[in-house]
C-alpha atoms as a PDB file:
ATOM      1  CA  UNK A   1     -21.191 -45.183   8.356  1.00  0.00           C
ATOM      2  CA  UNK A   2     -21.534 -41.583   7.282  1.00  0.00           C
ATOM      3  CA  UNK A   3     -24.575 -39.410   7.561  1.00  0.00           C
ATOM      4  CA  UNK A   4     -25.637 -36.964   4.921  1.00  0.00           C
ATOM      5  CA  UNK A   5     -27.045 -33.590   5.852  1.00  0.00           C
ATOM      6  CA  UNK A   6     -29.670 -32.020   3.697  1.00  0.00           C
ATOM      7  CA  UNK A   7     -29.494 -28.271   3.375  1.00  0.00           C
ATOM      8  CA  UNK A   8     -32.692 -26.456   2.623  1.00  0.00           C
ATOM      9  CA  UNK A   9     -32.723 -22.830   1.696  1.00  0.00           C
ATOM     10  CA  UNK A  10     -35.592 -20.426   1.893  1.00  0.00           C
ATOM     11  CA  UNK A  11     -36.063 -18.730  -1.419  1.00  0.00           C
ATOM     12  CA  UNK A  12     -35.382 -15.042  -1.293  1.00  0.00           C
ATOM     13  CA  UNK A  13     -38.516 -12.943  -1.078  1.00  0.00           C
ATOM     14  CA  UNK A  14     -38.802 -10.007  -3.492  1.00  0.00           C
ATOM     15  CA  UNK A  15     -38.644  -6.497  -2.051  1.00  0.00           C
ATOM     16  CA  UNK A  16     -41.235  -5.336  -4.593  1.00  0.00           C
ATOM     17  CA  UNK A  17     -43.451  -7.601  -6.653  1.00  0.00           C
ATOM     18  CA  UNK A  18     -46.291  -6.856  -9.045  1.00  0.00           C
ATOM     19  CA  UNK A  19     -47.489  -8.348 -12.321  1.00  0.00           C
ATOM     20  CA  UNK A  20     -44.666  -6.680 -14.256  1.00  0.00           C
ATOM     21  CA  UNK A  21     -41.489  -6.884 -12.146  1.00  0.00           C
ATOM     22  CA  UNK A  22     -39.986  -8.553  -9.115  1.00  0.00           C
ATOM     23  CA  UNK A  23     -37.227  -6.615  -7.383  1.00  0.00           C
ATOM     24  CA  UNK A  24     -34.836  -8.659  -5.261  1.00  0.00           C
ATOM     25  CA  UNK A  25     -31.859  -7.443  -3.255  1.00  0.00           C
ATOM     26  CA  UNK A  26     -29.407  -7.948  -6.147  1.00  0.00           C
ATOM     27  CA  UNK A  27     -31.534  -8.161  -9.287  1.00  0.00           C
ATOM     28  CA  UNK A  28     -34.672  -7.151 -11.150  1.00  0.00           C
ATOM     29  CA  UNK A  29     -36.820  -9.725 -12.971  1.00  0.00           C
ATOM     30  CA  UNK A  30     -39.041  -8.349 -15.739  1.00  0.00           C
ATOM     31  CA  UNK A  31     -42.075 -10.534 -16.485  1.00  0.00           C
ATOM     32  CA  UNK A  32     -43.072 -11.328 -20.065  1.00  0.00           C
ATOM     33  CA  UNK A  33     -40.041  -9.618 -21.536  1.00  0.00           C
ATOM     34  CA  UNK A  34     -39.222 -12.054 -24.322  1.00  0.00           C
ATOM     35  CA  UNK A  35     -41.736 -12.890 -27.025  1.00  0.00           C
ATOM     36  CA  UNK A  36     -43.830 -15.057 -26.901  1.00  0.00           C
ATOM     37  CA  UNK A  37     -42.989 -15.607 -23.227  1.00  0.00           C
ATOM     38  CA  UNK A  38     -40.031 -15.402 -20.912  1.00  0.00           C
ATOM     39  CA  UNK A  39     -38.698 -13.267 -18.102  1.00  0.00           C
ATOM     40  CA  UNK A  40     -35.517 -11.184 -18.166  1.00  0.00           C
ATOM     41  CA  UNK A  41     -33.204 -10.923 -15.165  1.00  0.00           C
ATOM     42  CA  UNK A  42     -30.986  -7.868 -14.767  1.00  0.00           C
ATOM     43  CA  UNK A  43     -28.427  -7.461 -11.999  1.00  0.00           C
ATOM     44  CA  UNK A  44     -28.481  -3.935 -10.543  1.00  0.00           C
ATOM     45  CA  UNK A  45     -24.709  -3.746 -10.986  1.00  0.00           C
ATOM     46  CA  UNK A  46     -25.223  -4.056 -14.777  1.00  0.00           C
ATOM     47  CA  UNK A  47     -27.526  -1.028 -15.012  1.00  0.00           C
ATOM     48  CA  UNK A  48     -25.664   2.012 -16.334  1.00  0.00           C
ATOM     49  CA  UNK A  49     -28.579   4.443 -16.164  1.00  0.00           C
ATOM     50  CA  UNK A  50     -32.170   4.501 -14.963  1.00  0.00           C
ATOM     51  CA  UNK A  51     -34.535   7.323 -15.882  1.00  0.00           C
ATOM     52  CA  UNK A  52     -38.152   7.982 -14.922  1.00  0.00           C
ATOM     53  CA  UNK A  53     -39.817   9.632 -17.906  1.00  0.00           C
ATOM     54  CA  UNK A  54     -43.281  10.737 -19.032  1.00  0.00           C
ATOM     55  CA  UNK A  55     -45.111   8.612 -21.595  1.00  0.00           C
ATOM     56  CA  UNK A  56     -46.617  11.750 -23.137  1.00  0.00           C
ATOM     57  CA  UNK A  57     -43.120  12.767 -24.282  1.00  0.00           C
ATOM     58  CA  UNK A  58     -42.869   9.656 -26.501  1.00  0.00           C
ATOM     59  CA  UNK A  59     -44.245   9.606 -29.999  1.00  0.00           C
ATOM     60  CA  UNK A  60     -46.776   6.815 -30.651  1.00  0.00           C
ATOM     61  CA  UNK A  61     -44.171   5.268 -32.984  1.00  0.00           C
ATOM     62  CA  UNK A  62     -41.580   4.933 -30.194  1.00  0.00           C
ATOM     63  CA  UNK A  63     -43.409   2.338 -28.093  1.00  0.00           C
ATOM     64  CA  UNK A  64     -45.842  -0.554 -28.394  1.00  0.00           C
ATOM     65  CA  UNK A  65     -47.535  -3.115 -26.173  1.00  0.00           C
ATOM     66  CA  UNK A  66     -44.695  -5.657 -26.546  1.00  0.00           C
ATOM     67  CA  UNK A  67     -41.366  -5.643 -28.334  1.00  0.00           C
ATOM     68  CA  UNK A  68     -39.606  -2.899 -30.241  1.00  0.00           C
ATOM     69  CA  UNK A  69     -41.200   0.003 -32.065  1.00  0.00           C
ATOM     70  CA  UNK A  70     -39.294   2.586 -34.123  1.00  0.00           C
ATOM     71  CA  UNK A  71     -36.748   3.167 -31.382  1.00  0.00           C
ATOM     72  CA  UNK A  72     -33.877   1.398 -29.665  1.00  0.00           C
ATOM     73  CA  UNK A  73     -36.079   0.359 -26.717  1.00  0.00           C
ATOM     74  CA  UNK A  74     -37.510  -3.113 -26.072  1.00  0.00           C
ATOM     75  CA  UNK A  75     -40.792  -3.099 -24.140  1.00  0.00           C
ATOM     76  CA  UNK A  76     -42.037  -5.976 -21.980  1.00  0.00           C
ATOM     77  CA  UNK A  77     -45.682  -6.968 -22.404  1.00  0.00           C
ATOM     78  CA  UNK A  78     -48.112  -4.401 -20.998  1.00  0.00           C
ATOM     79  CA  UNK A  79     -51.514  -4.242 -22.671  1.00  0.00           C
ATOM     80  CA  UNK A  80     -52.341  -1.021 -20.801  1.00  0.00           C
ATOM     81  CA  UNK A  81     -49.097   0.791 -21.701  1.00  0.00           C
ATOM     82  CA  UNK A  82     -50.978   3.441 -23.707  1.00  0.00           C
ATOM     83  CA  UNK A  83     -52.831   4.565 -20.570  1.00  0.00           C
ATOM     84  CA  UNK A  84     -49.728   4.859 -18.360  1.00  0.00           C
ATOM     85  CA  UNK A  85     -48.318   8.218 -17.267  1.00  0.00           C
ATOM     86  CA  UNK A  86     -44.694   7.202 -16.639  1.00  0.00           C
ATOM     87  CA  UNK A  87     -42.099   4.725 -17.767  1.00  0.00           C
ATOM     88  CA  UNK A  88     -38.625   3.709 -16.643  1.00  0.00           C
ATOM     89  CA  UNK A  89     -35.831   3.553 -19.198  1.00  0.00           C
ATOM     90  CA  UNK A  90     -32.937   1.244 -18.303  1.00  0.00           C
ATOM     91  CA  UNK A  91     -29.588   1.207 -20.043  1.00  0.00           C
ATOM     92  CA  UNK A  92     -27.446  -1.867 -19.362  1.00  0.00           C
ATOM     93  CA  UNK A  93     -24.860  -0.839 -21.938  1.00  0.00           C
ATOM     94  CA  UNK A  94     -26.351  -3.392 -24.342  1.00  0.00           C
ATOM     95  CA  UNK A  95     -28.616  -2.854 -27.289  1.00  0.00           C
ATOM     96  CA  UNK A  96     -31.555  -2.325 -27.013  1.00  0.00           C
ATOM     97  CA  UNK A  97     -32.434  -0.264 -23.969  1.00  0.00           C
ATOM     98  CA  UNK A  98     -35.251  -1.538 -21.753  1.00  0.00           C
ATOM     99  CA  UNK A  99     -38.576   0.225 -21.294  1.00  0.00           C
ATOM    100  CA  UNK A 100     -40.675  -0.589 -18.216  1.00  0.00           C
ATOM    101  CA  UNK A 101     -44.241   0.358 -17.502  1.00  0.00           C
ATOM    102  CA  UNK A 102     -46.622  -0.724 -14.778  1.00  0.00           C
ATOM    103  CA  UNK A 103     -49.301   0.770 -12.586  1.00  0.00           C
ATOM    104  CA  UNK A 104     -48.350   4.384 -11.968  1.00  0.00           C
ATOM    105  CA  UNK A 105     -48.542   3.912  -8.189  1.00  0.00           C
ATOM    106  CA  UNK A 106     -45.907   1.140  -8.412  1.00  0.00           C
ATOM    107  CA  UNK A 107     -43.470   2.612 -10.914  1.00  0.00           C
ATOM    108  CA  UNK A 108     -42.144   5.297  -8.559  1.00  0.00           C
ATOM    109  CA  UNK A 109     -41.272   2.682  -5.925  1.00  0.00           C
ATOM    110  CA  UNK A 110     -39.566   0.455  -8.498  1.00  0.00           C
ATOM    111  CA  UNK A 111     -37.633   3.415  -9.910  1.00  0.00           C
ATOM    112  CA  UNK A 112     -36.467   4.541  -6.453  1.00  0.00           C
ATOM    113  CA  UNK A 113     -35.371   1.020  -5.512  1.00  0.00           C
ATOM    114  CA  UNK A 114     -33.372   0.611  -8.735  1.00  0.00           C
ATOM    115  CA  UNK A 115     -31.704   4.000  -8.204  1.00  0.00           C
ATOM    116  CA  UNK A 116     -30.874   3.078  -4.595  1.00  0.00           C
ATOM    117  CA  UNK A 117     -29.340  -0.240  -5.662  1.00  0.00           C
ATOM    118  CA  UNK A 118     -27.463   1.468  -8.501  1.00  0.00           C
ATOM    119  CA  UNK A 119     -26.131   4.124  -6.121  1.00  0.00           C
ATOM    120  CA  UNK A 120     -24.344   1.508  -4.057  1.00  0.00           C
ATOM    121  CA  UNK A 121     -22.823   0.102  -7.229  1.00  0.00           C
ATOM    122  CA  UNK A 122     -21.903   3.401  -8.875  1.00  0.00           C
ATOM    123  CA  UNK A 123     -19.746   4.530  -5.992  1.00  0.00           C
ATOM    124  CA  UNK A 124     -17.588   1.475  -6.661  1.00  0.00           C
ATOM    125  CA  UNK A 125     -17.504   2.103 -10.398  1.00  0.00           C
ATOM    126  CA  UNK A 126     -16.261   5.671 -10.068  1.00  0.00           C
ATOM    127  CA  UNK A 127     -12.630   4.689 -10.603  1.00  0.00           C
ATOM    128  CA  UNK A 128     -13.557   3.292 -14.033  1.00  0.00           C
ATOM    129  CA  UNK A 129     -14.999   6.632 -15.109  1.00  0.00           C
ATOM    130  CA  UNK A 130     -12.132   8.826 -14.023  1.00  0.00           C
ATOM    131  CA  UNK A 131     -10.480  10.797 -16.778  1.00  0.00           C
ATOM    132  CA  UNK A 132      -6.746  10.189 -17.278  1.00  0.00           C
ATOM    133  CA  UNK A 133      -6.023  13.864 -16.588  1.00  0.00           C
ATOM    134  CA  UNK A 134      -7.981  13.707 -13.377  1.00  0.00           C
ATOM    135  CA  UNK A 135      -6.063  10.623 -12.244  1.00  0.00           C
ATOM    136  CA  UNK A 136      -2.745  12.355 -12.862  1.00  0.00           C
ATOM    137  CA  UNK A 137      -3.852  15.275 -10.674  1.00  0.00           C
ATOM    138  CA  UNK A 138      -5.039  13.072  -7.803  1.00  0.00           C
ATOM    139  CA  UNK A 139      -2.877  12.516  -4.809  1.00  0.00           C
ATOM    140  CA  UNK A 140      -1.430   9.097  -4.150  1.00  0.00           C
ATOM    141  CA  UNK A 141      -3.760   8.643  -1.161  1.00  0.00           C
ATOM    142  CA  UNK A 142      -6.820   9.454  -3.263  1.00  0.00           C
ATOM    143  CA  UNK A 143      -5.768   6.885  -5.846  1.00  0.00           C
ATOM    144  CA  UNK A 144      -5.188   4.276  -3.139  1.00  0.00           C
ATOM    145  CA  UNK A 145      -8.669   4.942  -1.772  1.00  0.00           C
ATOM    146  CA  UNK A 146     -10.289   4.592  -5.212  1.00  0.00           C
ATOM    147  CA  UNK A 147      -8.385   1.365  -5.860  1.00  0.00           C
ATOM    148  CA  UNK A 148      -9.409  -0.052  -2.482  1.00  0.00           C
ATOM    149  CA  UNK A 149     -13.052   0.670  -3.320  1.00  0.00           C
ATOM    150  CA  UNK A 150     -12.659  -1.195  -6.583  1.00  0.00           C
ATOM    151  CA  UNK A 151     -10.942  -4.177  -4.958  1.00  0.00           C
ATOM    152  CA  UNK A 152     -13.687  -4.431  -2.335  1.00  0.00           C
ATOM    153  CA  UNK A 153     -16.488  -4.016  -4.871  1.00  0.00           C
ATOM    154  CA  UNK A 154     -17.703  -7.606  -4.796  1.00  0.00           C
ATOM    155  CA  UNK A 155     -17.548  -7.754  -1.016  1.00  0.00           C
ATOM    156  CA  UNK A 156     -19.914  -4.824  -0.542  1.00  0.00           C
ATOM    157  CA  UNK A 157     -22.298  -5.241  -3.462  1.00  0.00           C
ATOM    158  CA  UNK A 158     -23.337  -8.791  -2.728  1.00  0.00           C
END
């Protein structure tokens, strides 16, 4: 007679959570991203760039309360977007880019967390961005170090 063990897992608690995003240790979940409903999950390792920008620098035709305006940015639902001071622009190397807004007191914390999580990832991606000329001028030990970072990427990111 064999016994079966049941494994229960505690769901991971978000580091930051508000009505617009939930930031976990390895991913960001944007609420009401897809129309008419649906959340979007983005792994931090997939984010190529993250910028904190001023809403006043955008033309009224470049953003809207939900979806895409006359720009290459998709905006999640935020009915108060027009009254926000800042927004975060994410580039995941896919079209379109992602525009995030939320309460101004929260957006700084979300931005800083994304940048922190990206920083850990970008140090591992540096070998991918090296110019061929730069590689040829690197010493063998430097190349070995860069390659070891790349091979250990998964181990350290997750």
